[in-house]
Amino acid sequence: MPRPVTFWFEFASTYSYLSAMRIDAEAEARGVDVIWRPFLLGPIFKAQGWDRSPFAIYPEKGENMWRDLERRAEKYAIPFDRSAEKLFPQNSVLAARAAIACLHEDWGREFCRYVFRAAFVDGRDISDPGTIADCIESAGGLAQIYMHMAHSHTQKNTLREHVDEAQSRGIYGAPSFIVDGELFWGDDRLEDALDWANRV
């Protein structure tokens, strides 16, 4: 039996967007179960001594990242609008809390993909409650219910627990994939992680 893969993602992460749009189809083709786990990179960056994304700290790295994202999006036929750069990096706290609630539903992953599309295709502010409410409704949920849940202490505490767990597992960037303690980092390691899950 293939082992499950935990997909650690951050809604403000450009490469998490690519993985979120690809992972379910790639996993299904390999018979691998995927556990979606939203978290925040901010506290992890802070622990590394950074006050913001390294793509913002190092302009050359940031410029190359955006061009690389364009190339990879084209490669996988994933829609992408570089105007998303204007809002980067976005505040993803509300989106992550909502995702923790929504991922208990069968439409939860679709909600996550709507949030990513809002950020990286439509150029919308994902810290805006209106944007998140629209994503919930588009995915098939009732915004009034899940927006209320997103602001509850339960979701806030769970998100903090996710961040703590990510740090304890040595995660330093997103997306990350964990298979039986093995850490794979980056969208370009997605297939490697899924293949590892099938190793005997």
N, C-alpha and C. Protein backbone atom coordinates (compact mmCIF):
# COMPACT_ATOMS: atom_id res chain seq x y z
N MET A 1 0.83 -1.20 0.00
CA MET A 1 0.00 0.00 0.00
C MET A 1 0.87 1.25 0.00
N PRO A 2 0.57 2.21 -0.88
CA PRO A 2 1.32 3.48 -0.85
C PRO A 2 1.10 4.19 0.48
N ARG A 3 2.13 4.87 0.93
CA ARG A 3 2.00 5.64 2.15
C ARG A 3 1.42 7.01 1.84
N PRO A 4 0.68 7.62 2.78
CA PRO A 4 0.11 8.94 2.52
C PRO A 4 1.18 10.02 2.46
N VAL A 5 0.89 11.06 1.73
CA VAL A 5 1.76 12.24 1.62
C VAL A 5 1.05 13.42 2.25
N THR A 6 1.73 14.11 3.15
CA THR A 6 1.17 15.33 3.72
C THR A 6 1.69 16.52 2.93
N PHE A 7 0.76 17.27 2.40
CA PHE A 7 1.05 18.43 1.54
C PHE A 7 0.92 19.69 2.39
N TRP A 8 2.07 20.25 2.75
CA TRP A 8 2.12 21.49 3.54
C TRP A 8 2.15 22.68 2.58
N PHE A 9 1.16 23.54 2.67
CA PHE A 9 1.07 24.65 1.73
C PHE A 9 0.73 25.96 2.44
N GLU A 10 1.10 27.03 1.78
CA GLU A 10 0.88 28.40 2.28
C GLU A 10 0.23 29.18 1.15
N PHE A 11 -0.93 29.80 1.44
CA PHE A 11 -1.69 30.48 0.38
C PHE A 11 -0.94 31.66 -0.24
N ALA A 12 0.03 32.22 0.45
CA ALA A 12 0.80 33.33 -0.11
C ALA A 12 1.96 32.84 -0.97
N SER A 13 2.17 31.53 -1.01
CA SER A 13 3.32 30.94 -1.70
C SER A 13 3.01 30.68 -3.17
N THR A 14 3.83 31.25 -4.02
CA THR A 14 3.64 31.08 -5.47
C THR A 14 3.75 29.62 -5.88
N TYR A 15 4.76 28.93 -5.39
CA TYR A 15 4.95 27.54 -5.79
C TYR A 15 3.92 26.60 -5.14
N SER A 16 3.37 26.99 -3.98
CA SER A 16 2.27 26.22 -3.40
C SER A 16 1.06 26.25 -4.35
N TYR A 17 0.88 27.38 -5.01
CA TYR A 17 -0.21 27.47 -5.98
C TYR A 17 -0.07 26.42 -7.06
N LEU A 18 1.12 26.31 -7.64
CA LEU A 18 1.33 25.32 -8.69
C LEU A 18 1.06 23.91 -8.18
N SER A 19 1.55 23.60 -6.99
CA SER A 19 1.36 22.25 -6.45
C SER A 19 -0.11 21.97 -6.14
N ALA A 20 -0.81 22.96 -5.61
CA ALA A 20 -2.22 22.77 -5.28
C ALA A 20 -3.04 22.44 -6.52
N MET A 21 -2.63 22.99 -7.66
CA MET A 21 -3.36 22.76 -8.89
C MET A 21 -2.99 21.42 -9.53
N ARG A 22 -1.90 20.81 -9.08
CA ARG A 22 -1.40 19.59 -9.73
C ARG A 22 -1.50 18.33 -8.88
N ILE A 23 -1.47 18.48 -7.58
CA ILE A 23 -1.17 17.34 -6.72
C ILE A 23 -2.23 16.25 -6.75
N ASP A 24 -3.50 16.60 -6.79
CA ASP A 24 -4.53 15.57 -6.71
C ASP A 24 -4.49 14.64 -7.92
N ALA A 25 -4.33 15.20 -9.11
CA ALA A 25 -4.28 14.37 -10.32
C ALA A 25 -3.04 13.49 -10.31
N GLU A 26 -1.89 14.05 -9.90
CA GLU A 26 -0.66 13.27 -9.85
C GLU A 26 -0.75 12.16 -8.81
N ALA A 27 -1.38 12.47 -7.67
CA ALA A 27 -1.52 11.47 -6.62
C ALA A 27 -2.47 10.36 -7.04
N GLU A 28 -3.57 10.73 -7.68
CA GLU A 28 -4.54 9.72 -8.12
C GLU A 28 -3.90 8.77 -9.13
N ALA A 29 -3.07 9.30 -10.00
CA ALA A 29 -2.41 8.45 -11.00
C ALA A 29 -1.49 7.43 -10.35
N ARG A 30 -1.03 7.72 -9.13
CA ARG A 30 -0.10 6.83 -8.43
C ARG A 30 -0.77 6.06 -7.29
N GLY A 31 -2.07 6.30 -7.09
CA GLY A 31 -2.78 5.62 -6.02
C GLY A 31 -2.37 6.07 -4.63
N VAL A 32 -1.98 7.35 -4.50
CA VAL A 32 -1.48 7.88 -3.23
C VAL A 32 -2.51 8.81 -2.60
N ASP A 33 -2.72 8.64 -1.30
CA ASP A 33 -3.60 9.55 -0.56
C ASP A 33 -2.79 10.78 -0.13
N VAL A 34 -3.44 11.94 -0.22
CA VAL A 34 -2.78 13.20 0.15
C VAL A 34 -3.55 13.87 1.28
N ILE A 35 -2.83 14.32 2.28
CA ILE A 35 -3.40 15.09 3.38
C ILE A 35 -2.99 16.54 3.18
N TRP A 36 -3.98 17.41 3.02
CA TRP A 36 -3.69 18.84 2.80
C TRP A 36 -3.55 19.52 4.16
N ARG A 37 -2.45 20.27 4.33
CA ARG A 37 -2.16 20.89 5.62
C ARG A 37 -1.75 22.37 5.42
N PRO A 38 -2.68 23.31 5.61
CA PRO A 38 -2.31 24.72 5.50
C PRO A 38 -1.49 25.17 6.71
N PHE A 39 -0.54 26.06 6.46
CA PHE A 39 0.24 26.64 7.55
C PHE A 39 0.72 28.02 7.13
N LEU A 40 1.47 28.69 7.99
CA LEU A 40 1.98 30.03 7.70
C LEU A 40 3.51 30.01 7.67
N LEU A 41 4.05 30.66 6.66
CA LEU A 41 5.51 30.75 6.56
C LEU A 41 6.10 31.88 7.40
N GLY A 42 5.29 32.90 7.70
CA GLY A 42 5.80 34.06 8.43
C GLY A 42 6.57 33.71 9.69
N PRO A 43 5.98 32.93 10.60
CA PRO A 43 6.70 32.57 11.83
C PRO A 43 7.97 31.76 11.56
N ILE A 44 7.96 30.95 10.51
CA ILE A 44 9.13 30.15 10.17
C ILE A 44 10.24 31.03 9.61
N PHE A 45 9.87 31.98 8.76
CA PHE A 45 10.86 32.94 8.26
C PHE A 45 11.45 33.74 9.41
N LYS A 46 10.59 34.16 10.33
CA LYS A 46 11.06 34.96 11.46
C LYS A 46 12.08 34.18 12.29
N ALA A 47 11.82 32.89 12.46
CA ALA A 47 12.76 32.05 13.21
C ALA A 47 14.09 31.91 12.50
N GLN A 48 14.09 32.12 11.17
CA GLN A 48 15.31 32.06 10.38
C GLN A 48 16.00 33.43 10.29
N GLY A 49 15.39 34.45 10.93
CA GLY A 49 15.98 35.78 10.94
C GLY A 49 15.51 36.67 9.82
N TRP A 50 14.46 36.27 9.11
CA TRP A 50 13.92 37.09 8.03
C TRP A 50 12.63 37.75 8.48
N ASP A 51 12.45 39.01 8.11
CA ASP A 51 11.21 39.70 8.47
C ASP A 51 10.18 39.68 7.34
N ARG A 52 10.54 39.07 6.22
CA ARG A 52 9.63 38.94 5.07
C ARG A 52 10.15 37.84 4.16
N SER A 53 9.44 37.62 3.06
CA SER A 53 9.82 36.57 2.13
C SER A 53 11.21 36.81 1.57
N PRO A 54 12.01 35.75 1.44
CA PRO A 54 13.34 35.93 0.81
C PRO A 54 13.23 36.43 -0.62
N PHE A 55 12.10 36.18 -1.28
CA PHE A 55 11.91 36.70 -2.63
C PHE A 55 11.76 38.22 -2.62
N ALA A 56 11.35 38.77 -1.48
CA ALA A 56 11.26 40.23 -1.34
C ALA A 56 12.58 40.81 -0.84
N ILE A 57 13.29 40.03 -0.03
CA ILE A 57 14.57 40.50 0.52
C ILE A 57 15.63 40.58 -0.57
N TYR A 58 15.64 39.59 -1.47
CA TYR A 58 16.64 39.54 -2.53
C TYR A 58 15.96 39.76 -3.88
N PRO A 59 16.00 40.99 -4.41
CA PRO A 59 15.27 41.32 -5.64
C PRO A 59 15.58 40.42 -6.83
N GLU A 60 16.85 40.06 -6.99
CA GLU A 60 17.21 39.20 -8.13
C GLU A 60 16.54 37.82 -8.00
N LYS A 61 16.51 37.31 -6.79
CA LYS A 61 15.86 36.02 -6.55
C LYS A 61 14.36 36.13 -6.83
N GLY A 62 13.77 37.25 -6.39
CA GLY A 62 12.35 37.46 -6.62
C GLY A 62 12.02 37.56 -8.09
N GLU A 63 12.82 38.29 -8.84
CA GLU A 63 12.57 38.46 -10.28
C GLU A 63 12.66 37.10 -10.99
N ASN A 64 13.65 36.32 -10.63
CA ASN A 64 13.79 35.00 -11.24
C ASN A 64 12.63 34.08 -10.87
N MET A 65 12.16 34.19 -9.62
CA MET A 65 11.03 33.37 -9.18
C MET A 65 9.80 33.65 -10.03
N TRP A 66 9.50 34.93 -10.28
CA TRP A 66 8.30 35.25 -11.06
C TRP A 66 8.42 34.73 -12.49
N ARG A 67 9.60 34.83 -13.06
CA ARG A 67 9.78 34.32 -14.42
C ARG A 67 9.69 32.79 -14.43
N ASP A 68 10.27 32.16 -13.40
CA ASP A 68 10.19 30.72 -13.30
C ASP A 68 8.74 30.27 -13.15
N LEU A 69 7.98 31.02 -12.37
CA LEU A 69 6.57 30.70 -12.18
C LEU A 69 5.82 30.78 -13.51
N GLU A 70 6.13 31.79 -14.30
CA GLU A 70 5.51 31.91 -15.62
C GLU A 70 5.82 30.69 -16.47
N ARG A 71 7.07 30.27 -16.47
CA ARG A 71 7.47 29.11 -17.28
C ARG A 71 6.77 27.83 -16.81
N ARG A 72 6.76 27.61 -15.49
CA ARG A 72 6.16 26.38 -14.97
C ARG A 72 4.65 26.37 -15.16
N ALA A 73 4.02 27.52 -14.99
CA ALA A 73 2.58 27.60 -15.21
C ALA A 73 2.25 27.27 -16.66
N GLU A 74 3.05 27.78 -17.58
CA GLU A 74 2.84 27.47 -18.99
C GLU A 74 3.07 25.98 -19.25
N LYS A 75 4.10 25.42 -18.65
CA LYS A 75 4.41 24.01 -18.83
C LYS A 75 3.24 23.11 -18.45
N TYR A 76 2.59 23.45 -17.33
CA TYR A 76 1.51 22.61 -16.81
C TYR A 76 0.12 23.12 -17.18
N ALA A 77 0.06 24.13 -18.04
CA ALA A 77 -1.22 24.71 -18.48
C ALA A 77 -2.06 25.18 -17.29
N ILE A 78 -1.38 25.84 -16.35
CA ILE A 78 -2.04 26.39 -15.17
C ILE A 78 -2.17 27.90 -15.38
N PRO A 79 -3.37 28.45 -15.24
CA PRO A 79 -3.52 29.90 -15.44
C PRO A 79 -2.73 30.69 -14.41
N PHE A 80 -2.17 31.80 -14.86
CA PHE A 80 -1.37 32.64 -13.97
C PHE A 80 -1.31 34.04 -14.54
N ASP A 81 -1.45 35.03 -13.68
CA ASP A 81 -1.36 36.43 -14.09
C ASP A 81 -0.30 37.11 -13.22
N ARG A 82 0.73 37.60 -13.86
CA ARG A 82 1.85 38.15 -13.10
C ARG A 82 1.48 39.43 -12.34
N SER A 83 0.31 39.99 -12.62
CA SER A 83 -0.12 41.16 -11.84
C SER A 83 -0.26 40.80 -10.36
N ALA A 84 -0.29 39.50 -10.04
CA ALA A 84 -0.32 39.06 -8.65
C ALA A 84 0.88 39.57 -7.87
N GLU A 85 1.95 39.90 -8.59
CA GLU A 85 3.17 40.41 -7.96
C GLU A 85 2.89 41.68 -7.16
N LYS A 86 1.89 42.44 -7.57
CA LYS A 86 1.60 43.72 -6.90
C LYS A 86 1.17 43.52 -5.45
N LEU A 87 0.54 42.40 -5.15
CA LEU A 87 0.05 42.14 -3.79
C LEU A 87 0.95 41.19 -3.00
N PHE A 88 2.03 40.76 -3.62
CA PHE A 88 2.90 39.75 -2.99
C PHE A 88 3.83 40.37 -1.97
N PRO A 89 4.04 39.70 -0.82
CA PRO A 89 3.35 38.50 -0.36
C PRO A 89 2.05 38.87 0.36
N GLN A 90 1.03 38.10 0.14
CA GLN A 90 -0.27 38.40 0.74
C GLN A 90 -0.35 37.91 2.18
N ASN A 91 -1.28 38.52 2.92
CA ASN A 91 -1.58 38.06 4.27
C ASN A 91 -2.56 36.89 4.13
N SER A 92 -2.14 35.71 4.54
CA SER A 92 -2.91 34.50 4.29
C SER A 92 -3.54 33.91 5.54
N VAL A 93 -3.54 34.65 6.64
CA VAL A 93 -4.04 34.11 7.91
C VAL A 93 -5.50 33.70 7.81
N LEU A 94 -6.35 34.59 7.32
CA LEU A 94 -7.78 34.28 7.24
C LEU A 94 -8.03 33.09 6.30
N ALA A 95 -7.34 33.08 5.17
CA ALA A 95 -7.51 31.98 4.21
C ALA A 95 -7.12 30.65 4.84
N ALA A 96 -6.03 30.63 5.60
CA ALA A 96 -5.58 29.38 6.23
C ALA A 96 -6.57 28.90 7.28
N ARG A 97 -7.09 29.84 8.08
CA ARG A 97 -8.07 29.45 9.10
C ARG A 97 -9.34 28.90 8.44
N ALA A 98 -9.78 29.55 7.37
CA ALA A 98 -10.96 29.07 6.66
C ALA A 98 -10.70 27.69 6.06
N ALA A 99 -9.51 27.49 5.53
CA ALA A 99 -9.17 26.19 4.92
C ALA A 99 -9.22 25.07 5.94
N ILE A 100 -8.77 25.34 7.15
CA ILE A 100 -8.79 24.31 8.19
C ILE A 100 -10.22 23.85 8.43
N ALA A 101 -11.16 24.77 8.40
CA ALA A 101 -12.58 24.41 8.57
C ALA A 101 -13.11 23.71 7.33
N CYS A 102 -12.80 24.26 6.15
CA CYS A 102 -13.38 23.75 4.91
C CYS A 102 -12.82 22.39 4.50
N LEU A 103 -11.60 22.10 4.88
CA LEU A 103 -10.99 20.83 4.46
C LEU A 103 -11.63 19.61 5.12
N HIS A 104 -12.53 19.84 6.05
CA HIS A 104 -13.31 18.73 6.61
C HIS A 104 -14.44 18.33 5.66
N GLU A 105 -14.69 19.16 4.65
CA GLU A 105 -15.77 18.91 3.70
C GLU A 105 -15.21 18.36 2.39
N ASP A 106 -16.06 17.69 1.61
CA ASP A 106 -15.56 17.11 0.36
C ASP A 106 -15.23 18.17 -0.68
N TRP A 107 -15.66 19.41 -0.45
CA TRP A 107 -15.34 20.50 -1.38
C TRP A 107 -14.19 21.37 -0.85
N GLY A 108 -13.58 20.94 0.23
CA GLY A 108 -12.55 21.77 0.86
C GLY A 108 -11.34 22.03 -0.01
N ARG A 109 -10.90 21.02 -0.75
CA ARG A 109 -9.73 21.23 -1.62
C ARG A 109 -10.07 22.18 -2.76
N GLU A 110 -11.31 22.10 -3.23
CA GLU A 110 -11.72 23.03 -4.28
C GLU A 110 -11.74 24.46 -3.75
N PHE A 111 -12.15 24.62 -2.49
CA PHE A 111 -12.07 25.94 -1.86
C PHE A 111 -10.63 26.45 -1.89
N CYS A 112 -9.68 25.60 -1.51
CA CYS A 112 -8.28 26.01 -1.51
C CYS A 112 -7.83 26.44 -2.90
N ARG A 113 -8.24 25.69 -3.91
CA ARG A 113 -7.86 26.06 -5.27
C ARG A 113 -8.49 27.38 -5.69
N TYR A 114 -9.72 27.65 -5.24
CA TYR A 114 -10.35 28.94 -5.54
C TYR A 114 -9.56 30.08 -4.89
N VAL A 115 -9.08 29.87 -3.68
CA VAL A 115 -8.28 30.91 -3.00
C VAL A 115 -7.00 31.17 -3.78
N PHE A 116 -6.33 30.10 -4.18
CA PHE A 116 -5.10 30.27 -4.96
C PHE A 116 -5.37 30.99 -6.28
N ARG A 117 -6.47 30.64 -6.93
CA ARG A 117 -6.80 31.33 -8.19
C ARG A 117 -7.11 32.79 -7.94
N ALA A 118 -7.78 33.07 -6.84
CA ALA A 118 -8.08 34.46 -6.50
C ALA A 118 -6.79 35.26 -6.37
N ALA A 119 -5.78 34.65 -5.75
CA ALA A 119 -4.51 35.35 -5.51
C ALA A 119 -3.65 35.45 -6.76
N PHE A 120 -3.55 34.37 -7.53
CA PHE A 120 -2.54 34.31 -8.59
C PHE A 120 -3.10 34.37 -10.02
N VAL A 121 -4.42 34.44 -10.13
CA VAL A 121 -5.02 34.63 -11.45
C VAL A 121 -5.85 35.91 -11.48
N ASP A 122 -6.68 36.09 -10.45
CA ASP A 122 -7.60 37.23 -10.42
C ASP A 122 -7.02 38.46 -9.75
N GLY A 123 -5.88 38.31 -9.07
CA GLY A 123 -5.25 39.45 -8.42
C GLY A 123 -6.06 40.02 -7.26
N ARG A 124 -6.79 39.15 -6.56
CA ARG A 124 -7.62 39.60 -5.44
C ARG A 124 -6.86 39.49 -4.12
N ASP A 125 -7.29 40.28 -3.16
CA ASP A 125 -6.69 40.30 -1.83
C ASP A 125 -7.31 39.17 -1.01
N ILE A 126 -6.52 38.16 -0.67
CA ILE A 126 -7.08 37.02 0.05
C ILE A 126 -7.16 37.26 1.56
N SER A 127 -6.78 38.44 2.01
CA SER A 127 -7.04 38.80 3.40
C SER A 127 -8.40 39.47 3.54
N ASP A 128 -9.03 39.77 2.42
CA ASP A 128 -10.35 40.40 2.40
C ASP A 128 -11.42 39.33 2.67
N PRO A 129 -12.23 39.50 3.71
CA PRO A 129 -13.28 38.51 3.99
C PRO A 129 -14.22 38.28 2.81
N GLY A 130 -14.44 39.31 2.00
CA GLY A 130 -15.29 39.14 0.84
C GLY A 130 -14.72 38.16 -0.16
N THR A 131 -13.41 38.20 -0.34
CA THR A 131 -12.75 37.26 -1.25
C THR A 131 -12.90 35.83 -0.75
N ILE A 132 -12.65 35.62 0.53
CA ILE A 132 -12.74 34.27 1.11
C ILE A 132 -14.18 33.78 1.08
N ALA A 133 -15.13 34.65 1.37
CA ALA A 133 -16.54 34.26 1.31
C ALA A 133 -16.92 33.83 -0.10
N ASP A 134 -16.45 34.56 -1.09
CA ASP A 134 -16.73 34.19 -2.49
C ASP A 134 -16.15 32.82 -2.82
N CYS A 135 -14.95 32.54 -2.32
CA CYS A 135 -14.30 31.26 -2.58
C CYS A 135 -15.08 30.11 -1.93
N ILE A 136 -15.58 30.35 -0.73
CA ILE A 136 -16.38 29.32 -0.05
C ILE A 136 -17.64 29.03 -0.86
N GLU A 137 -18.33 30.08 -1.28
CA GLU A 137 -19.57 29.89 -2.04
C GLU A 137 -19.29 29.20 -3.38
N SER A 138 -18.21 29.59 -4.04
CA SER A 138 -17.87 29.00 -5.33
C SER A 138 -17.57 27.51 -5.20
N ALA A 139 -16.99 27.13 -4.06
CA ALA A 139 -16.63 25.72 -3.84
C ALA A 139 -17.82 24.87 -3.42
N GLY A 140 -18.89 25.52 -2.98
CA GLY A 140 -20.09 24.77 -2.60
C GLY A 140 -20.47 24.86 -1.14
N GLY A 141 -19.82 25.76 -0.40
CA GLY A 141 -20.13 25.92 1.02
C GLY A 141 -20.98 27.15 1.28
N LEU A 142 -21.42 27.29 2.51
CA LEU A 142 -22.18 28.47 2.93
C LEU A 142 -21.22 29.43 3.62
N ALA A 143 -21.02 30.58 3.02
CA ALA A 143 -20.02 31.52 3.53
C ALA A 143 -20.31 31.93 4.97
N GLN A 144 -21.55 32.14 5.31
CA GLN A 144 -21.88 32.61 6.66
C GLN A 144 -21.39 31.63 7.72
N ILE A 145 -21.55 30.34 7.43
CA ILE A 145 -21.15 29.32 8.40
C ILE A 145 -19.63 29.23 8.50
N TYR A 146 -18.96 29.13 7.37
CA TYR A 146 -17.52 28.87 7.39
C TYR A 146 -16.69 30.11 7.68
N MET A 147 -17.22 31.29 7.39
CA MET A 147 -16.52 32.50 7.81
C MET A 147 -16.58 32.62 9.33
N HIS A 148 -17.71 32.25 9.91
CA HIS A 148 -17.82 32.25 11.37
C HIS A 148 -16.82 31.27 11.97
N MET A 149 -16.72 30.09 11.36
CA MET A 149 -15.77 29.09 11.86
C MET A 149 -14.34 29.58 11.72
N ALA A 150 -14.05 30.29 10.63
CA ALA A 150 -12.68 30.78 10.40
C ALA A 150 -12.22 31.74 11.49
N HIS A 151 -13.18 32.40 12.13
CA HIS A 151 -12.82 33.36 13.18
C HIS A 151 -12.90 32.75 14.58
N SER A 152 -13.17 31.44 14.65
CA SER A 152 -13.31 30.80 15.95
C SER A 152 -11.95 30.50 16.57
N HIS A 153 -11.96 30.33 17.89
CA HIS A 153 -10.72 29.99 18.59
C HIS A 153 -10.20 28.63 18.14
N THR A 154 -11.11 27.74 17.76
CA THR A 154 -10.70 26.41 17.32
C THR A 154 -9.79 26.48 16.11
N GLN A 155 -10.18 27.24 15.10
CA GLN A 155 -9.37 27.35 13.89
C GLN A 155 -8.08 28.12 14.16
N LYS A 156 -8.15 29.14 14.99
CA LYS A 156 -6.95 29.91 15.33
C LYS A 156 -5.93 29.01 16.02
N ASN A 157 -6.40 28.23 16.99
CA ASN A 157 -5.49 27.35 17.73
C ASN A 157 -4.94 26.25 16.82
N THR A 158 -5.78 25.71 15.94
CA THR A 158 -5.32 24.66 15.04
C THR A 158 -4.25 25.18 14.10
N LEU A 159 -4.43 26.40 13.61
CA LEU A 159 -3.42 26.98 12.72
C LEU A 159 -2.09 27.15 13.45
N ARG A 160 -2.14 27.60 14.69
CA ARG A 160 -0.90 27.71 15.47
C ARG A 160 -0.25 26.34 15.65
N GLU A 161 -1.08 25.32 15.86
CA GLU A 161 -0.55 23.96 16.00
C GLU A 161 0.10 23.49 14.70
N HIS A 162 -0.50 23.87 13.58
CA HIS A 162 0.08 23.50 12.28
C HIS A 162 1.46 24.13 12.11
N VAL A 163 1.57 25.40 12.47
CA VAL A 163 2.86 26.09 12.36
C VAL A 163 3.90 25.43 13.26
N ASP A 164 3.50 25.12 14.50
CA ASP A 164 4.42 24.47 15.43
C ASP A 164 4.86 23.11 14.91
N GLU A 165 3.90 22.36 14.33
CA GLU A 165 4.24 21.04 13.80
C GLU A 165 5.19 21.16 12.61
N ALA A 166 4.91 22.14 11.74
CA ALA A 166 5.79 22.35 10.59
C ALA A 166 7.22 22.62 11.04
N GLN A 167 7.37 23.47 12.04
CA GLN A 167 8.70 23.79 12.55
C GLN A 167 9.35 22.55 13.16
N SER A 168 8.57 21.76 13.89
CA SER A 168 9.14 20.58 14.54
C SER A 168 9.57 19.53 13.52
N ARG A 169 8.98 19.57 12.33
CA ARG A 169 9.33 18.61 11.28
C ARG A 169 10.43 19.14 10.35
N GLY A 170 10.95 20.30 10.68
CA GLY A 170 12.05 20.85 9.90
C GLY A 170 11.63 21.54 8.61
N ILE A 171 10.37 21.87 8.49
CA ILE A 171 9.90 22.56 7.28
C ILE A 171 10.38 24.00 7.29
N TYR A 172 10.91 24.45 6.19
CA TYR A 172 11.46 25.80 6.10
C TYR A 172 10.92 26.57 4.90
N GLY A 173 10.06 25.95 4.11
CA GLY A 173 9.50 26.62 2.94
C GLY A 173 8.26 25.89 2.46
N ALA A 174 7.61 26.48 1.48
CA ALA A 174 6.38 25.88 0.94
C ALA A 174 6.40 25.96 -0.59
N PRO A 175 5.84 24.91 -1.21
CA PRO A 175 5.22 23.75 -0.59
C PRO A 175 6.26 22.75 -0.08
N SER A 176 5.84 21.99 0.90
CA SER A 176 6.66 20.88 1.39
C SER A 176 5.78 19.64 1.44
N PHE A 177 6.42 18.50 1.26
CA PHE A 177 5.71 17.22 1.26
C PHE A 177 6.45 16.29 2.21
N ILE A 178 5.70 15.63 3.08
CA ILE A 178 6.33 14.70 4.02
C ILE A 178 5.74 13.31 3.83
N VAL A 179 6.64 12.33 3.69
CA VAL A 179 6.27 10.92 3.55
C VAL A 179 7.08 10.14 4.58
N ASP A 180 6.40 9.64 5.61
CA ASP A 180 7.10 8.87 6.65
C ASP A 180 8.35 9.58 7.16
N GLY A 181 8.23 10.86 7.41
CA GLY A 181 9.35 11.62 7.95
C GLY A 181 10.32 12.16 6.92
N GLU A 182 10.21 11.71 5.67
CA GLU A 182 11.06 12.24 4.60
C GLU A 182 10.48 13.56 4.12
N LEU A 183 11.31 14.60 4.07
CA LEU A 183 10.88 15.92 3.66
C LEU A 183 11.30 16.22 2.23
N PHE A 184 10.34 16.63 1.42
CA PHE A 184 10.59 17.07 0.05
C PHE A 184 10.10 18.51 -0.05
N TRP A 185 10.94 19.39 -0.56
CA TRP A 185 10.60 20.80 -0.60
C TRP A 185 10.53 21.31 -2.05
N GLY A 186 9.45 22.00 -2.34
CA GLY A 186 9.32 22.67 -3.63
C GLY A 186 8.39 21.97 -4.60
N ASP A 187 7.73 22.75 -5.43
CA ASP A 187 6.83 22.19 -6.44
C ASP A 187 7.56 21.21 -7.35
N ASP A 188 8.84 21.44 -7.60
CA ASP A 188 9.59 20.54 -8.49
C ASP A 188 9.95 19.22 -7.81
N ARG A 189 9.56 19.06 -6.54
CA ARG A 189 9.77 17.78 -5.85
C ARG A 189 8.45 17.06 -5.59
N LEU A 190 7.37 17.58 -6.13
CA LEU A 190 6.06 16.97 -5.92
C LEU A 190 6.04 15.53 -6.39
N GLU A 191 6.45 15.29 -7.63
CA GLU A 191 6.44 13.93 -8.16
C GLU A 191 7.38 13.01 -7.39
N ASP A 192 8.53 13.53 -6.97
CA ASP A 192 9.46 12.72 -6.18
C ASP A 192 8.81 12.25 -4.89
N ALA A 193 8.08 13.14 -4.22
CA ALA A 193 7.42 12.79 -2.97
C ALA A 193 6.36 11.71 -3.19
N LEU A 194 5.58 11.87 -4.25
CA LEU A 194 4.53 10.89 -4.54
C LEU A 194 5.14 9.54 -4.92
N ASP A 195 6.23 9.57 -5.66
CA ASP A 195 6.89 8.31 -6.03
C ASP A 195 7.49 7.63 -4.79
N TRP A 196 8.01 8.44 -3.87
CA TRP A 196 8.59 7.89 -2.64
C TRP A 196 7.52 7.15 -1.83
N ALA A 197 6.29 7.66 -1.91
CA ALA A 197 5.19 7.03 -1.16
C ALA A 197 4.93 5.61 -1.64
N ASN A 198 5.36 5.30 -2.85
CA ASN A 198 5.15 3.97 -3.42
C ASN A 198 6.36 3.06 -3.27
N ARG A 199 7.43 3.56 -2.65
CA ARG A 199 8.60 2.71 -2.44
C ARG A 199 8.28 1.58 -1.48
N VAL A 200 8.78 0.41 -1.77
CA VAL A 200 8.53 -0.75 -0.90
C VAL A 200 9.41 -0.65 0.34
